[in-house]
């Protein structure tokens, strides 16, 4: 994971991928691609949703642009469709291309987290938080989303 993220993958990032369902692609050299979906609670308006949050999607550098990221996402989206109200993820600019091509849409409203001191706005996540499928089930697609707290998200 650290290699795939050019060293920008902390221990807390790895912990966020644990406890969920993982999609793995192996080849003759070993693990070629990975992704996970973990359950998170997210408040949208007056409703708390069960969200399948996508974590740790990575493809080994020597096999990128061969469709392995899409293979991983197909498996994760099947899990989300069967078990959750909505899928969500935070994407880099490069990663966003994969997700938007698959129908993921940037959330238009504020992004917050429920931290130890209450609700904290996460402006760095605004514009880079994506949801799937289209948020028809969440009422207002521009409403504030409040994610449950986890280590590393809120100071």
C-alpha atoms as a PDB file:
ATOM      1  CA  UNK A   1       0.000   0.000   0.000  1.00  0.00           C
ATOM      2  CA  UNK A   2       2.800   2.415   0.821  1.00  0.00           C
ATOM      3  CA  UNK A   3       4.396   1.816  -2.590  1.00  0.00           C
ATOM      4  CA  UNK A   4       1.110   2.274  -4.432  1.00  0.00           C
ATOM      5  CA  UNK A   5       0.465   5.542  -2.560  1.00  0.00           C
ATOM      6  CA  UNK A   6       4.063   6.766  -3.046  1.00  0.00           C
ATOM      7  CA  UNK A   7       4.741   6.561   0.693  1.00  0.00           C
ATOM      8  CA  UNK A   8       1.639   8.569   1.646  1.00  0.00           C
ATOM      9  CA  UNK A   9      -0.161   5.729   3.428  1.00  0.00           C
ATOM     10  CA  UNK A  10       0.034   5.964   7.203  1.00  0.00           C
ATOM     11  CA  UNK A  11      -0.645   3.268   9.791  1.00  0.00           C
ATOM     12  CA  UNK A  12      -4.008   4.952  10.467  1.00  0.00           C
ATOM     13  CA  UNK A  13      -4.868   4.640   6.765  1.00  0.00           C
ATOM     14  CA  UNK A  14      -4.214   0.894   6.993  1.00  0.00           C
ATOM     15  CA  UNK A  15      -6.314   0.628  10.147  1.00  0.00           C
ATOM     16  CA  UNK A  16      -9.202   2.260   8.272  1.00  0.00           C
ATOM     17  CA  UNK A  17      -9.189  -0.607   5.751  1.00  0.00           C
ATOM     18  CA  UNK A  18      -9.483  -3.294   8.427  1.00  0.00           C
ATOM     19  CA  UNK A  19     -12.732  -4.899   9.524  1.00  0.00           C
ATOM     20  CA  UNK A  20     -14.423  -4.704   6.179  1.00  0.00           C
ATOM     21  CA  UNK A  21     -14.604  -6.765   3.019  1.00  0.00           C
ATOM     22  CA  UNK A  22     -11.545  -6.799   0.764  1.00  0.00           C
ATOM     23  CA  UNK A  23     -11.226  -7.288  -2.981  1.00  0.00           C
ATOM     24  CA  UNK A  24      -7.845  -8.620  -4.091  1.00  0.00           C
ATOM     25  CA  UNK A  25      -6.333  -9.243  -7.511  1.00  0.00           C
ATOM     26  CA  UNK A  26      -3.278 -11.483  -7.659  1.00  0.00           C
ATOM     27  CA  UNK A  27      -0.917 -12.157 -10.546  1.00  0.00           C
ATOM     28  CA  UNK A  28       2.331 -14.085 -10.964  1.00  0.00           C
ATOM     29  CA  UNK A  29       4.230 -11.495  -8.903  1.00  0.00           C
ATOM     30  CA  UNK A  30       1.761 -11.451  -6.001  1.00  0.00           C
ATOM     31  CA  UNK A  31      -0.799  -8.856  -4.977  1.00  0.00           C
ATOM     32  CA  UNK A  32      -1.557  -6.615  -7.955  1.00  0.00           C
ATOM     33  CA  UNK A  33      -4.589  -4.656  -6.714  1.00  0.00           C
ATOM     34  CA  UNK A  34      -6.517  -4.134  -3.492  1.00  0.00           C
ATOM     35  CA  UNK A  35      -9.575  -2.336  -2.190  1.00  0.00           C
ATOM     36  CA  UNK A  36     -11.805  -2.582   0.869  1.00  0.00           C
ATOM     37  CA  UNK A  37     -15.262  -1.484   1.903  1.00  0.00           C
ATOM     38  CA  UNK A  38     -15.945  -0.830   5.590  1.00  0.00           C
ATOM     39  CA  UNK A  39     -19.153   0.135   7.342  1.00  0.00           C
ATOM     40  CA  UNK A  40     -19.484   3.714   8.531  1.00  0.00           C
ATOM     41  CA  UNK A  41     -22.421   5.671   9.910  1.00  0.00           C
ATOM     42  CA  UNK A  42     -23.143   8.974   8.183  1.00  0.00           C
ATOM     43  CA  UNK A  43     -25.803  11.507   9.057  1.00  0.00           C
ATOM     44  CA  UNK A  44     -27.559  13.156   6.142  1.00  0.00           C
ATOM     45  CA  UNK A  45     -30.192  15.585   7.331  1.00  0.00           C
ATOM     46  CA  UNK A  46     -32.154  13.869  10.090  1.00  0.00           C
ATOM     47  CA  UNK A  47     -31.270  10.348   8.969  1.00  0.00           C
ATOM     48  CA  UNK A  48     -28.289   8.167   9.863  1.00  0.00           C
ATOM     49  CA  UNK A  49     -27.214   5.987   6.933  1.00  0.00           C
ATOM     50  CA  UNK A  50     -25.235   2.752   6.771  1.00  0.00           C
ATOM     51  CA  UNK A  51     -22.501   3.662   4.337  1.00  0.00           C
ATOM     52  CA  UNK A  52     -20.080   1.313   2.635  1.00  0.00           C
ATOM     53  CA  UNK A  53     -16.914   3.389   2.739  1.00  0.00           C
ATOM     54  CA  UNK A  54     -14.258   2.464   0.177  1.00  0.00           C
ATOM     55  CA  UNK A  55     -10.693   2.379   1.497  1.00  0.00           C
ATOM     56  CA  UNK A  56      -7.237   1.482   0.244  1.00  0.00           C
ATOM     57  CA  UNK A  57      -7.900   1.136  -3.477  1.00  0.00           C
ATOM     58  CA  UNK A  58      -4.463   0.645  -4.974  1.00  0.00           C
ATOM     59  CA  UNK A  59      -2.876  -0.969  -8.011  1.00  0.00           C
ATOM     60  CA  UNK A  60       0.761  -1.978  -8.166  1.00  0.00           C
ATOM     61  CA  UNK A  61       2.704   0.459 -10.372  1.00  0.00           C
ATOM     62  CA  UNK A  62       3.774  -2.089 -13.003  1.00  0.00           C
ATOM     63  CA  UNK A  63       0.199  -3.191 -13.763  1.00  0.00           C
ATOM     64  CA  UNK A  64      -1.628   0.151 -13.742  1.00  0.00           C
ATOM     65  CA  UNK A  65      -3.958   1.141 -16.599  1.00  0.00           C
ATOM     66  CA  UNK A  66      -4.929  -2.474 -17.247  1.00  0.00           C
ATOM     67  CA  UNK A  67      -8.394  -2.363 -15.656  1.00  0.00           C
ATOM     68  CA  UNK A  68      -7.476  -3.845 -12.274  1.00  0.00           C
ATOM     69  CA  UNK A  69      -8.790  -0.817 -10.369  1.00  0.00           C
ATOM     70  CA  UNK A  70     -12.092  -1.276 -12.174  1.00  0.00           C
ATOM     71  CA  UNK A  71     -12.106  -4.982 -11.296  1.00  0.00           C
ATOM     72  CA  UNK A  72     -11.629  -4.134  -7.626  1.00  0.00           C
ATOM     73  CA  UNK A  73     -14.325  -1.433  -7.743  1.00  0.00           C
ATOM     74  CA  UNK A  74     -16.827  -3.792  -9.416  1.00  0.00           C
ATOM     75  CA  UNK A  75     -16.458  -6.192  -6.498  1.00  0.00           C
ATOM     76  CA  UNK A  76     -16.734  -3.409  -3.903  1.00  0.00           C
ATOM     77  CA  UNK A  77     -19.775  -1.848  -5.594  1.00  0.00           C
ATOM     78  CA  UNK A  78     -21.555  -5.219  -5.505  1.00  0.00           C
ATOM     79  CA  UNK A  79     -21.005  -5.339  -1.747  1.00  0.00           C
ATOM     80  CA  UNK A  80     -22.240  -1.762  -1.345  1.00  0.00           C
ATOM     81  CA  UNK A  81     -25.351  -2.390  -3.446  1.00  0.00           C
ATOM     82  CA  UNK A  82     -26.314  -5.419  -1.355  1.00  0.00           C
ATOM     83  CA  UNK A  83     -25.497  -4.225   2.152  1.00  0.00           C
ATOM     84  CA  UNK A  84     -25.530  -0.430   2.418  1.00  0.00           C
ATOM     85  CA  UNK A  85     -27.702   2.633   1.896  1.00  0.00           C
ATOM     86  CA  UNK A  86     -24.930   4.400   0.019  1.00  0.00           C
ATOM     87  CA  UNK A  87     -21.286   4.098  -0.936  1.00  0.00           C
ATOM     88  CA  UNK A  88     -18.753   6.822  -0.152  1.00  0.00           C
ATOM     89  CA  UNK A  89     -15.042   7.432  -0.563  1.00  0.00           C
ATOM     90  CA  UNK A  90     -12.437  10.159  -0.526  1.00  0.00           C
ATOM     91  CA  UNK A  91     -10.504  10.442  -3.789  1.00  0.00           C
ATOM     92  CA  UNK A  92      -7.314  12.058  -4.990  1.00  0.00           C
ATOM     93  CA  UNK A  93      -7.518  13.992  -8.254  1.00  0.00           C
ATOM     94  CA  UNK A  94      -6.045  11.015 -10.128  1.00  0.00           C
ATOM     95  CA  UNK A  95      -8.318   8.513  -8.377  1.00  0.00           C
ATOM     96  CA  UNK A  96     -11.403  10.600  -9.087  1.00  0.00           C
ATOM     97  CA  UNK A  97     -11.115   9.750 -12.779  1.00  0.00           C
ATOM     98  CA  UNK A  98     -11.703   6.053 -12.041  1.00  0.00           C
ATOM     99  CA  UNK A  99     -14.659   6.749  -9.771  1.00  0.00           C
ATOM    100  CA  UNK A 100     -16.482   9.332 -11.883  1.00  0.00           C
ATOM    101  CA  UNK A 101     -16.237   7.045 -14.923  1.00  0.00           C
ATOM    102  CA  UNK A 102     -18.122   4.445 -12.849  1.00  0.00           C
ATOM    103  CA  UNK A 103     -20.942   6.798 -11.811  1.00  0.00           C
ATOM    104  CA  UNK A 104     -19.584   8.061  -8.484  1.00  0.00           C
ATOM    105  CA  UNK A 105     -20.456  11.726  -7.919  1.00  0.00           C
ATOM    106  CA  UNK A 106     -18.749  14.381  -5.824  1.00  0.00           C
ATOM    107  CA  UNK A 107     -20.887  15.312  -2.828  1.00  0.00           C
ATOM    108  CA  UNK A 108     -22.003  18.943  -3.140  1.00  0.00           C
ATOM    109  CA  UNK A 109     -22.522  19.770   0.516  1.00  0.00           C
ATOM    110  CA  UNK A 110     -20.344  20.227   3.554  1.00  0.00           C
ATOM    111  CA  UNK A 111     -18.353  17.285   4.912  1.00  0.00           C
ATOM    112  CA  UNK A 112     -18.024  16.923   8.677  1.00  0.00           C
ATOM    113  CA  UNK A 113     -17.128  14.330  11.260  1.00  0.00           C
ATOM    114  CA  UNK A 114     -18.515  13.719  14.706  1.00  0.00           C
ATOM    115  CA  UNK A 115     -15.370  14.016  16.809  1.00  0.00           C
ATOM    116  CA  UNK A 116     -14.604  13.898  20.504  1.00  0.00           C
ATOM    117  CA  UNK A 117     -15.490  17.598  20.788  1.00  0.00           C
ATOM    118  CA  UNK A 118     -18.617  17.444  18.636  1.00  0.00           C
ATOM    119  CA  UNK A 119     -19.174  18.053  14.933  1.00  0.00           C
ATOM    120  CA  UNK A 120     -16.065  19.275  13.115  1.00  0.00           C
ATOM    121  CA  UNK A 121     -16.069  20.512   9.534  1.00  0.00           C
ATOM    122  CA  UNK A 122     -13.552  18.822   7.206  1.00  0.00           C
ATOM    123  CA  UNK A 123     -13.073  21.388   4.416  1.00  0.00           C
ATOM    124  CA  UNK A 124     -10.214  19.395   2.858  1.00  0.00           C
ATOM    125  CA  UNK A 125     -12.689  16.553   2.182  1.00  0.00           C
ATOM    126  CA  UNK A 126     -15.190  18.819   0.412  1.00  0.00           C
ATOM    127  CA  UNK A 127     -15.015  18.312  -3.329  1.00  0.00           C
ATOM    128  CA  UNK A 128     -13.087  15.058  -2.899  1.00  0.00           C
ATOM    129  CA  UNK A 129     -15.797  12.984  -1.176  1.00  0.00           C
ATOM    130  CA  UNK A 130     -17.741  10.886  -3.667  1.00  0.00           C
ATOM    131  CA  UNK A 131     -20.937   8.879  -3.290  1.00  0.00           C
ATOM    132  CA  UNK A 132     -22.517   6.000  -5.216  1.00  0.00           C
ATOM    133  CA  UNK A 133     -25.089   5.378  -6.464  1.00  0.00           C
ATOM    134  CA  UNK A 134     -26.642   8.761  -7.158  1.00  0.00           C
ATOM    135  CA  UNK A 135     -27.842  10.018  -3.757  1.00  0.00           C
ATOM    136  CA  UNK A 136     -31.586   9.763  -4.416  1.00  0.00           C
ATOM    137  CA  UNK A 137     -32.067   7.845  -1.154  1.00  0.00           C
ATOM    138  CA  UNK A 138     -30.485  10.583   0.936  1.00  0.00           C
ATOM    139  CA  UNK A 139     -32.938  13.372   0.004  1.00  0.00           C
ATOM    140  CA  UNK A 140     -30.852  16.524  -0.512  1.00  0.00           C
ATOM    141  CA  UNK A 141     -27.580  15.800  -2.388  1.00  0.00           C
ATOM    142  CA  UNK A 142     -26.206  19.152  -1.223  1.00  0.00           C
ATOM    143  CA  UNK A 143     -26.920  18.582   2.475  1.00  0.00           C
ATOM    144  CA  UNK A 144     -24.173  18.300   5.060  1.00  0.00           C
ATOM    145  CA  UNK A 145     -22.771  14.809   5.615  1.00  0.00           C
ATOM    146  CA  UNK A 146     -21.551  14.014   9.138  1.00  0.00           C
ATOM    147  CA  UNK A 147     -19.311  10.944   9.248  1.00  0.00           C
ATOM    148  CA  UNK A 148     -18.686   8.895  12.360  1.00  0.00           C
ATOM    149  CA  UNK A 149     -15.393   9.538  14.103  1.00  0.00           C
ATOM    150  CA  UNK A 150     -12.316   7.364  13.716  1.00  0.00           C
ATOM    151  CA  UNK A 151      -8.677   7.791  14.620  1.00  0.00           C
ATOM    152  CA  UNK A 152      -6.783  10.144  12.340  1.00  0.00           C
ATOM    153  CA  UNK A 153      -9.806  12.014  10.995  1.00  0.00           C
ATOM    154  CA  UNK A 154     -10.449  14.619  13.646  1.00  0.00           C
ATOM    155  CA  UNK A 155      -7.952  16.268  15.957  1.00  0.00           C
END
